[in-house]
Amino acid sequence: MLILNCPYCGVDADETELAAGGQAHIKRETVGSTDDDFEEYMFMRENPRGVHFERWRHANGCGKWFHAARCTTTLEVFGTYSAQTLAPPKEICDRISGKRPGWSLAQWGGGMFS
């Protein structure tokens, strides 16, 4: 079972208390977007196995959105952090790099954080 720590209320919540919100740190196309931009956002994104940065909501708790870094293959959680953070915190990136030699944020994010 997936257990994530809510960075706002400090509760270790299992997946039944949470609501998944998709990939973190991407621009979400909405009203006013061109058809091409919306198609790119909706259908053309990569979905590789491994480390992901995701949005989660503590639905049955404080109700706030937060981000989590985890491995989709092993369910290993590297950390959680505020949804208002524009890039993953250095300590989480260092934790991932320590367990996944050769991993880099630039490689994952396609340069979106530089």
Protein backbone atom coordinates (compact mmCIF):
# COMPACT_ATOMS: atom_id res chain seq x y z
CA MET A 1 0.00 0.00 0.00
CA LEU A 2 1.22 3.48 -0.85
CA ILE A 3 1.72 5.75 2.18
CA LEU A 4 2.57 9.43 1.74
CA ASN A 5 3.30 12.03 4.41
CA CYS A 6 1.19 15.17 4.05
CA PRO A 7 3.67 18.06 4.37
CA TYR A 8 0.92 20.35 5.69
CA CYS A 9 -0.66 18.38 8.53
CA GLY A 10 2.17 15.85 9.04
CA VAL A 11 -0.08 12.78 8.78
CA ASP A 12 1.19 9.58 7.15
CA ALA A 13 -1.81 8.90 4.92
CA ASP A 14 -2.43 5.72 2.98
CA GLU A 15 -3.73 5.84 -0.56
CA THR A 16 -7.37 5.48 0.57
CA GLU A 17 -7.11 8.96 2.19
CA LEU A 18 -5.55 10.55 -0.88
CA ALA A 19 -6.63 11.59 -4.37
CA ALA A 20 -4.14 11.43 -7.23
CA GLY A 21 -3.80 14.54 -9.38
CA GLY A 22 -1.39 13.51 -12.11
CA GLN A 23 2.07 14.74 -12.96
CA ALA A 24 3.52 17.67 -11.01
CA HIS A 25 5.41 20.65 -12.44
CA ILE A 26 3.72 20.78 -15.84
CA LYS A 27 1.62 23.47 -17.46
CA ARG A 28 -1.96 22.33 -17.57
CA GLU A 29 -3.67 23.51 -20.75
CA THR A 30 -7.22 24.72 -20.25
CA VAL A 31 -9.78 27.19 -21.64
CA GLY A 32 -8.15 29.44 -24.20
CA SER A 33 -5.50 26.92 -25.24
CA THR A 34 -5.02 26.09 -28.87
CA ASP A 35 -6.16 22.68 -30.03
CA ASP A 36 -2.53 21.70 -30.69
CA ASP A 37 -1.42 22.75 -27.19
CA PHE A 38 -4.29 20.87 -25.56
CA GLU A 39 -3.62 17.76 -27.66
CA GLU A 40 0.07 17.88 -26.67
CA TYR A 41 -0.81 18.22 -22.97
CA MET A 42 -3.49 15.55 -22.98
CA PHE A 43 -2.09 12.83 -25.21
CA MET A 44 1.58 13.32 -26.08
CA ARG A 45 3.39 13.20 -22.72
CA GLU A 46 5.96 10.59 -21.79
CA ASN A 47 5.03 8.03 -19.12
CA PRO A 48 8.21 6.05 -18.40
CA ARG A 49 8.61 3.65 -15.49
CA GLY A 50 10.66 4.91 -12.59
CA VAL A 51 10.87 8.17 -10.66
CA HIS A 52 7.92 10.54 -11.01
CA PHE A 53 6.90 13.82 -9.42
CA GLU A 54 3.17 13.70 -8.79
CA ARG A 55 0.36 15.84 -7.37
CA TRP A 56 -1.68 14.40 -4.51
CA ARG A 57 -4.54 15.76 -2.41
CA HIS A 58 -5.06 14.79 1.22
CA ALA A 59 -8.75 14.33 0.45
CA ASN A 60 -9.81 12.69 3.72
CA GLY A 61 -7.60 14.90 5.85
CA CYS A 62 -6.60 18.56 5.59
CA GLY A 63 -7.77 18.72 1.94
CA LYS A 64 -4.59 20.36 0.65
CA TRP A 65 -2.65 19.55 -2.52
CA PHE A 66 1.01 18.52 -2.26
CA HIS A 67 3.69 16.95 -4.43
CA ALA A 68 5.37 13.58 -3.98
CA ALA A 69 8.48 12.07 -5.53
CA ARG A 70 8.17 8.32 -5.91
CA CYS A 71 9.15 5.38 -8.06
CA THR A 72 6.24 3.95 -10.04
CA THR A 73 7.97 0.57 -10.31
CA THR A 74 8.72 -0.06 -6.62
CA LEU A 75 6.36 2.45 -4.90
CA GLU A 76 9.40 3.78 -3.01
CA VAL A 77 8.66 7.30 -1.76
CA PHE A 78 11.55 9.76 -1.80
CA GLY A 79 9.64 12.58 -0.14
CA THR A 80 6.72 14.97 -0.24
CA TYR A 81 6.66 18.76 -0.43
CA SER A 82 4.41 21.79 -0.84
CA ALA A 83 2.42 22.12 -4.06
CA GLN A 84 3.51 25.75 -4.27
CA THR A 85 7.13 24.65 -4.83
CA LEU A 86 8.17 25.30 -8.43
CA ALA A 87 10.85 22.56 -8.53
CA PRO A 88 11.54 19.51 -6.39
CA PRO A 89 13.62 20.34 -3.28
CA LYS A 90 17.34 19.64 -3.45
CA GLU A 91 17.24 17.16 -0.55
CA ILE A 92 14.67 15.02 -2.38
CA CYS A 93 16.70 15.14 -5.61
CA ASP A 94 19.82 14.17 -3.63
CA ARG A 95 17.92 11.25 -2.05
CA ILE A 96 16.85 10.02 -5.50
CA SER A 97 20.38 10.41 -6.93
CA GLY A 98 21.81 8.49 -3.97
CA LYS A 99 19.55 5.52 -4.67
CA ARG A 100 19.51 5.82 -8.48
CA PRO A 101 23.06 6.49 -9.70
CA GLY A 102 22.98 8.37 -12.99
CA TRP A 103 19.57 9.95 -12.33
CA SER A 104 19.40 13.72 -12.73
CA LEU A 105 16.60 16.25 -12.49
CA ALA A 106 17.58 17.77 -15.84
CA GLN A 107 17.27 14.34 -17.48
CA TRP A 108 13.83 13.78 -15.92
CA GLY A 109 12.41 17.22 -16.45
CA GLY A 110 13.69 17.81 -19.95
CA GLY A 111 15.22 21.08 -18.73
CA MET A 112 11.91 22.45 -17.38
CA PHE A 113 13.57 23.38 -14.08
CA SER A 114 16.70 25.09 -15.40
